[in-house]
Amino acid sequence: MPSDDGYAVNYTAVEPGTPVYSSEDEQVGTVYEIWDNSREHIFDGLVIDSTDGKRRFVDAPEVARTAERAVRLTITAAEVQQLGPPEGGGGGPARAAGGLSKLFRRRR
């Protein structure tokens, strides 16, 4: 990983606008918001504004690393382009309890 990502940070410290990179080191977007189940401290994933102008949901297992200045994914740029939008079109932050249930509803 490039050293300019900064130190690894907890997902809760990732700021909106942080660059998101594919597994091939290609910038695929920026962080729009973080989804979690705050009551149980479970990271659900993140919503990104992708470079093609669409808002996409990246599931937690597809996030390799969260750092001060970048988020690194385990998937390629082509795979990012196949990701769907967040449920409800990315309405509001899903930091409230129930974020995990939203994730499971999205997958049905």
N, C-alpha and C. Protein backbone atom coordinates (compact mmCIF):
# COMPACT_ATOMS: atom_id res chain seq x y z
N MET A 1 0.84 -1.18 0.00
CA MET A 1 0.00 0.00 0.00
C MET A 1 0.89 1.25 0.00
N PRO A 2 0.51 2.23 -0.76
CA PRO A 2 1.29 3.47 -0.75
C PRO A 2 1.32 4.09 0.63
N SER A 3 2.47 4.62 1.01
CA SER A 3 2.62 5.20 2.34
C SER A 3 1.83 6.50 2.50
N ASP A 4 1.40 7.12 1.40
CA ASP A 4 0.68 8.39 1.50
C ASP A 4 -0.77 8.20 1.95
N ASP A 5 -1.23 6.96 2.19
CA ASP A 5 -2.57 6.72 2.73
C ASP A 5 -2.64 7.17 4.19
N GLY A 6 -1.52 7.25 4.85
CA GLY A 6 -1.50 7.58 6.27
C GLY A 6 -1.69 6.34 7.11
N TYR A 7 -1.89 6.57 8.38
CA TYR A 7 -2.08 5.47 9.32
C TYR A 7 -3.44 4.83 9.15
N ALA A 8 -3.53 3.54 9.44
CA ALA A 8 -4.82 2.86 9.46
C ALA A 8 -5.67 3.48 10.56
N VAL A 9 -6.96 3.65 10.28
CA VAL A 9 -7.89 4.21 11.26
C VAL A 9 -9.13 3.34 11.31
N ASN A 10 -9.86 3.44 12.39
CA ASN A 10 -11.14 2.78 12.52
C ASN A 10 -12.10 3.36 11.48
N TYR A 11 -13.01 2.55 11.00
CA TYR A 11 -13.95 3.02 9.98
C TYR A 11 -14.72 4.26 10.42
N THR A 12 -14.94 4.42 11.72
CA THR A 12 -15.70 5.57 12.20
C THR A 12 -14.94 6.88 12.03
N ALA A 13 -13.63 6.81 11.79
CA ALA A 13 -12.81 8.01 11.63
C ALA A 13 -12.67 8.44 10.17
N VAL A 14 -13.19 7.64 9.24
CA VAL A 14 -13.09 7.98 7.82
C VAL A 14 -14.04 9.13 7.51
N GLU A 15 -13.51 10.15 6.87
CA GLU A 15 -14.27 11.36 6.57
C GLU A 15 -14.90 11.29 5.18
N PRO A 16 -16.08 11.89 5.01
CA PRO A 16 -16.64 12.03 3.66
C PRO A 16 -15.63 12.74 2.77
N GLY A 17 -15.57 12.32 1.52
CA GLY A 17 -14.63 12.91 0.57
C GLY A 17 -13.30 12.19 0.50
N THR A 18 -13.07 11.23 1.39
CA THR A 18 -11.84 10.45 1.36
C THR A 18 -11.79 9.62 0.07
N PRO A 19 -10.66 9.64 -0.66
CA PRO A 19 -10.56 8.85 -1.89
C PRO A 19 -10.68 7.36 -1.62
N VAL A 20 -11.32 6.65 -2.56
CA VAL A 20 -11.49 5.19 -2.48
C VAL A 20 -10.77 4.59 -3.69
N TYR A 21 -9.93 3.58 -3.42
CA TYR A 21 -9.12 2.94 -4.46
C TYR A 21 -9.46 1.47 -4.61
N SER A 22 -9.45 1.00 -5.85
CA SER A 22 -9.68 -0.41 -6.15
C SER A 22 -8.45 -1.22 -5.77
N SER A 23 -8.55 -2.54 -5.90
CA SER A 23 -7.43 -3.43 -5.61
C SER A 23 -6.27 -3.21 -6.58
N GLU A 24 -6.55 -2.56 -7.73
CA GLU A 24 -5.48 -2.27 -8.70
C GLU A 24 -4.90 -0.86 -8.52
N ASP A 25 -5.25 -0.21 -7.41
CA ASP A 25 -4.74 1.12 -7.10
C ASP A 25 -5.31 2.21 -8.00
N GLU A 26 -6.52 2.00 -8.52
CA GLU A 26 -7.20 3.00 -9.34
C GLU A 26 -8.25 3.69 -8.48
N GLN A 27 -8.27 5.03 -8.50
CA GLN A 27 -9.30 5.71 -7.73
C GLN A 27 -10.65 5.47 -8.38
N VAL A 28 -11.59 4.96 -7.56
CA VAL A 28 -12.92 4.61 -8.07
C VAL A 28 -14.00 5.51 -7.52
N GLY A 29 -13.63 6.43 -6.64
CA GLY A 29 -14.61 7.35 -6.08
C GLY A 29 -14.13 7.96 -4.79
N THR A 30 -15.09 8.54 -4.07
CA THR A 30 -14.83 9.12 -2.76
C THR A 30 -15.92 8.67 -1.80
N VAL A 31 -15.58 8.66 -0.52
CA VAL A 31 -16.54 8.25 0.50
C VAL A 31 -17.66 9.28 0.59
N TYR A 32 -18.89 8.80 0.53
CA TYR A 32 -20.05 9.65 0.76
C TYR A 32 -20.49 9.53 2.22
N GLU A 33 -20.67 8.28 2.67
CA GLU A 33 -21.01 8.04 4.07
C GLU A 33 -20.64 6.62 4.47
N ILE A 34 -20.53 6.42 5.77
CA ILE A 34 -20.23 5.12 6.35
C ILE A 34 -21.52 4.55 6.92
N TRP A 35 -21.75 3.25 6.67
CA TRP A 35 -22.92 2.59 7.24
C TRP A 35 -22.44 1.62 8.32
N ASP A 36 -23.07 1.70 9.48
CA ASP A 36 -22.75 0.76 10.54
C ASP A 36 -23.95 0.52 11.43
N ASN A 37 -23.82 -0.46 12.28
CA ASN A 37 -24.79 -0.73 13.33
C ASN A 37 -24.09 -0.26 14.60
N SER A 38 -24.34 0.97 14.98
CA SER A 38 -23.59 1.58 16.08
C SER A 38 -23.83 0.90 17.41
N ARG A 39 -25.00 0.36 17.60
CA ARG A 39 -25.30 -0.30 18.87
C ARG A 39 -24.39 -1.52 19.06
N GLU A 40 -24.10 -2.24 17.98
CA GLU A 40 -23.28 -3.44 18.08
C GLU A 40 -21.87 -3.25 17.54
N HIS A 41 -21.54 -2.03 17.11
CA HIS A 41 -20.21 -1.70 16.60
C HIS A 41 -19.82 -2.61 15.42
N ILE A 42 -20.73 -2.73 14.47
CA ILE A 42 -20.50 -3.56 13.29
C ILE A 42 -20.46 -2.65 12.06
N PHE A 43 -19.39 -2.74 11.31
CA PHE A 43 -19.23 -2.00 10.07
C PHE A 43 -20.01 -2.71 8.97
N ASP A 44 -21.02 -2.02 8.40
CA ASP A 44 -21.84 -2.59 7.33
C ASP A 44 -21.20 -2.38 5.96
N GLY A 45 -20.59 -1.23 5.76
CA GLY A 45 -20.01 -0.89 4.47
C GLY A 45 -19.98 0.61 4.29
N LEU A 46 -19.76 1.02 3.06
CA LEU A 46 -19.73 2.46 2.81
C LEU A 46 -20.41 2.78 1.49
N VAL A 47 -20.87 3.99 1.42
CA VAL A 47 -21.48 4.51 0.20
C VAL A 47 -20.45 5.43 -0.43
N ILE A 48 -20.20 5.21 -1.72
CA ILE A 48 -19.23 6.05 -2.42
C ILE A 48 -19.90 6.81 -3.55
N ASP A 49 -19.34 7.97 -3.83
CA ASP A 49 -19.65 8.69 -5.06
C ASP A 49 -18.61 8.21 -6.04
N SER A 50 -19.02 7.34 -6.99
CA SER A 50 -18.05 6.76 -7.90
C SER A 50 -17.63 7.75 -8.97
N THR A 51 -16.53 7.44 -9.63
CA THR A 51 -15.99 8.36 -10.64
C THR A 51 -16.89 8.49 -11.85
N ASP A 52 -17.86 7.56 -12.02
CA ASP A 52 -18.79 7.70 -13.14
C ASP A 52 -20.04 8.49 -12.75
N GLY A 53 -20.02 9.08 -11.54
CA GLY A 53 -21.11 9.94 -11.11
C GLY A 53 -22.25 9.23 -10.41
N LYS A 54 -22.12 7.93 -10.19
CA LYS A 54 -23.18 7.17 -9.52
C LYS A 54 -22.81 6.92 -8.07
N ARG A 55 -23.82 6.82 -7.24
CA ARG A 55 -23.62 6.48 -5.84
C ARG A 55 -23.75 4.96 -5.72
N ARG A 56 -22.75 4.32 -5.08
CA ARG A 56 -22.71 2.86 -4.98
C ARG A 56 -22.46 2.43 -3.55
N PHE A 57 -23.00 1.25 -3.20
CA PHE A 57 -22.78 0.68 -1.87
C PHE A 57 -21.67 -0.36 -1.95
N VAL A 58 -20.66 -0.21 -1.09
CA VAL A 58 -19.56 -1.17 -1.00
C VAL A 58 -19.72 -1.91 0.32
N ASP A 59 -19.97 -3.22 0.24
CA ASP A 59 -20.17 -4.05 1.42
C ASP A 59 -18.87 -4.17 2.21
N ALA A 60 -18.99 -4.28 3.53
CA ALA A 60 -17.82 -4.31 4.42
C ALA A 60 -16.74 -5.30 4.00
N PRO A 61 -17.06 -6.54 3.60
CA PRO A 61 -15.99 -7.48 3.23
C PRO A 61 -15.17 -7.03 2.01
N GLU A 62 -15.69 -6.07 1.26
CA GLU A 62 -14.97 -5.57 0.09
C GLU A 62 -14.05 -4.41 0.44
N VAL A 63 -14.00 -4.02 1.71
CA VAL A 63 -13.12 -2.95 2.18
C VAL A 63 -11.89 -3.58 2.83
N ALA A 64 -10.74 -3.36 2.21
CA ALA A 64 -9.50 -3.96 2.71
C ALA A 64 -8.89 -3.15 3.84
N ARG A 65 -8.95 -1.81 3.71
CA ARG A 65 -8.24 -0.96 4.67
C ARG A 65 -8.87 0.42 4.70
N THR A 66 -9.02 0.95 5.90
CA THR A 66 -9.44 2.34 6.05
C THR A 66 -8.26 3.07 6.68
N ALA A 67 -7.86 4.16 6.07
CA ALA A 67 -6.70 4.92 6.53
C ALA A 67 -7.05 6.41 6.60
N GLU A 68 -6.11 7.18 7.10
CA GLU A 68 -6.33 8.63 7.26
C GLU A 68 -6.73 9.32 5.96
N ARG A 69 -6.07 8.94 4.87
CA ARG A 69 -6.27 9.67 3.62
C ARG A 69 -6.75 8.80 2.45
N ALA A 70 -7.15 7.56 2.72
CA ALA A 70 -7.62 6.70 1.63
C ALA A 70 -8.34 5.47 2.18
N VAL A 71 -9.23 4.94 1.36
CA VAL A 71 -9.87 3.66 1.63
C VAL A 71 -9.45 2.74 0.49
N ARG A 72 -9.02 1.54 0.84
CA ARG A 72 -8.58 0.54 -0.14
C ARG A 72 -9.58 -0.60 -0.17
N LEU A 73 -9.95 -1.03 -1.38
CA LEU A 73 -10.92 -2.11 -1.55
C LEU A 73 -10.23 -3.41 -1.96
N THR A 74 -10.94 -4.51 -1.79
CA THR A 74 -10.45 -5.83 -2.20
C THR A 74 -10.90 -6.18 -3.61
N ILE A 75 -11.67 -5.29 -4.24
CA ILE A 75 -12.24 -5.57 -5.56
C ILE A 75 -11.67 -4.62 -6.61
N THR A 76 -11.80 -5.03 -7.86
CA THR A 76 -11.26 -4.25 -8.97
C THR A 76 -12.19 -3.09 -9.34
N ALA A 77 -11.68 -2.20 -10.15
CA ALA A 77 -12.48 -1.07 -10.63
C ALA A 77 -13.68 -1.57 -11.43
N ALA A 78 -13.50 -2.62 -12.22
CA ALA A 78 -14.61 -3.18 -13.00
C ALA A 78 -15.69 -3.73 -12.06
N GLU A 79 -15.27 -4.36 -10.97
CA GLU A 79 -16.24 -4.89 -10.01
C GLU A 79 -16.98 -3.76 -9.29
N VAL A 80 -16.29 -2.67 -9.03
CA VAL A 80 -16.95 -1.51 -8.41
C VAL A 80 -18.06 -1.00 -9.32
N GLN A 81 -17.81 -0.99 -10.62
CA GLN A 81 -18.82 -0.51 -11.58
C GLN A 81 -20.07 -1.38 -11.58
N GLN A 82 -19.97 -2.61 -11.08
CA GLN A 82 -21.11 -3.52 -11.03
C GLN A 82 -21.92 -3.39 -9.74
N LEU A 83 -21.40 -2.63 -8.76
CA LEU A 83 -22.10 -2.47 -7.49
C LEU A 83 -23.34 -1.62 -7.67
N GLY A 84 -24.36 -1.95 -6.89
CA GLY A 84 -25.61 -1.22 -6.96
C GLY A 84 -25.64 -0.03 -6.02
N PRO A 85 -26.70 0.75 -6.13
CA PRO A 85 -26.86 1.91 -5.25
C PRO A 85 -27.24 1.45 -3.85
N PRO A 86 -27.04 2.32 -2.86
CA PRO A 86 -27.49 1.98 -1.51
C PRO A 86 -29.01 1.94 -1.49
N GLU A 87 -29.57 1.16 -0.58
CA GLU A 87 -31.02 1.08 -0.44
C GLU A 87 -31.57 2.47 -0.15
N GLY A 88 -32.62 2.83 -0.82
CA GLY A 88 -33.22 4.14 -0.60
C GLY A 88 -32.47 5.25 -1.30
N GLY A 89 -31.54 4.90 -2.20
CA GLY A 89 -30.81 5.91 -2.95
C GLY A 89 -29.81 6.67 -2.12
N GLY A 90 -29.40 6.13 -0.98
CA GLY A 90 -28.40 6.80 -0.16
C GLY A 90 -28.97 7.95 0.61
N GLY A 91 -30.23 7.86 0.98
CA GLY A 91 -30.93 8.92 1.68
C GLY A 91 -30.16 9.58 2.79
N GLY A 92 -30.10 9.02 3.95
CA GLY A 92 -29.40 9.65 5.04
C GLY A 92 -28.38 8.72 5.63
N PRO A 93 -27.58 9.22 6.53
CA PRO A 93 -26.59 8.37 7.18
C PRO A 93 -27.27 7.19 7.85
N ALA A 94 -26.66 6.04 7.76
CA ALA A 94 -27.22 4.84 8.38
C ALA A 94 -26.41 4.45 9.60
N ARG A 95 -26.01 5.42 10.38
CA ARG A 95 -25.23 5.14 11.57
C ARG A 95 -26.11 4.70 12.73
N ALA A 96 -27.40 4.80 12.58
CA ALA A 96 -28.31 4.39 13.65
C ALA A 96 -28.42 2.88 13.68
N ALA A 97 -28.79 2.36 14.83
CA ALA A 97 -29.04 0.92 14.94
C ALA A 97 -30.06 0.57 13.87
N GLY A 98 -29.91 -0.58 13.30
CA GLY A 98 -30.80 -0.97 12.21
C GLY A 98 -30.10 -0.90 10.88
N GLY A 99 -28.90 -0.35 10.85
CA GLY A 99 -28.15 -0.31 9.60
C GLY A 99 -27.89 -1.70 9.07
N LEU A 100 -27.62 -2.66 9.97
CA LEU A 100 -27.38 -4.02 9.54
C LEU A 100 -28.64 -4.63 8.94
N SER A 101 -29.79 -4.34 9.52
CA SER A 101 -31.03 -4.89 8.95
C SER A 101 -31.28 -4.28 7.58
N LYS A 102 -30.90 -3.04 7.37
CA LYS A 102 -31.04 -2.44 6.04
C LYS A 102 -30.17 -3.19 5.04
N LEU A 103 -28.98 -3.57 5.47
CA LEU A 103 -28.07 -4.31 4.60
C LEU A 103 -28.69 -5.64 4.21
N PHE A 104 -29.27 -6.36 5.17
CA PHE A 104 -29.85 -7.65 4.86
C PHE A 104 -31.08 -7.50 3.96
N ARG A 105 -31.87 -6.47 4.17
CA ARG A 105 -33.03 -6.24 3.29
C ARG A 105 -32.57 -5.97 1.87
N ARG A 106 -31.46 -5.25 1.73
CA ARG A 106 -30.94 -4.91 0.42
C ARG A 106 -30.55 -6.16 -0.37
N ARG A 107 -30.11 -7.19 0.32
CA ARG A 107 -29.61 -8.39 -0.35
C ARG A 107 -30.70 -9.38 -0.73
N ARG A 108 -31.92 -9.17 -0.34
CA ARG A 108 -32.98 -10.14 -0.66
C ARG A 108 -33.27 -10.20 -2.13
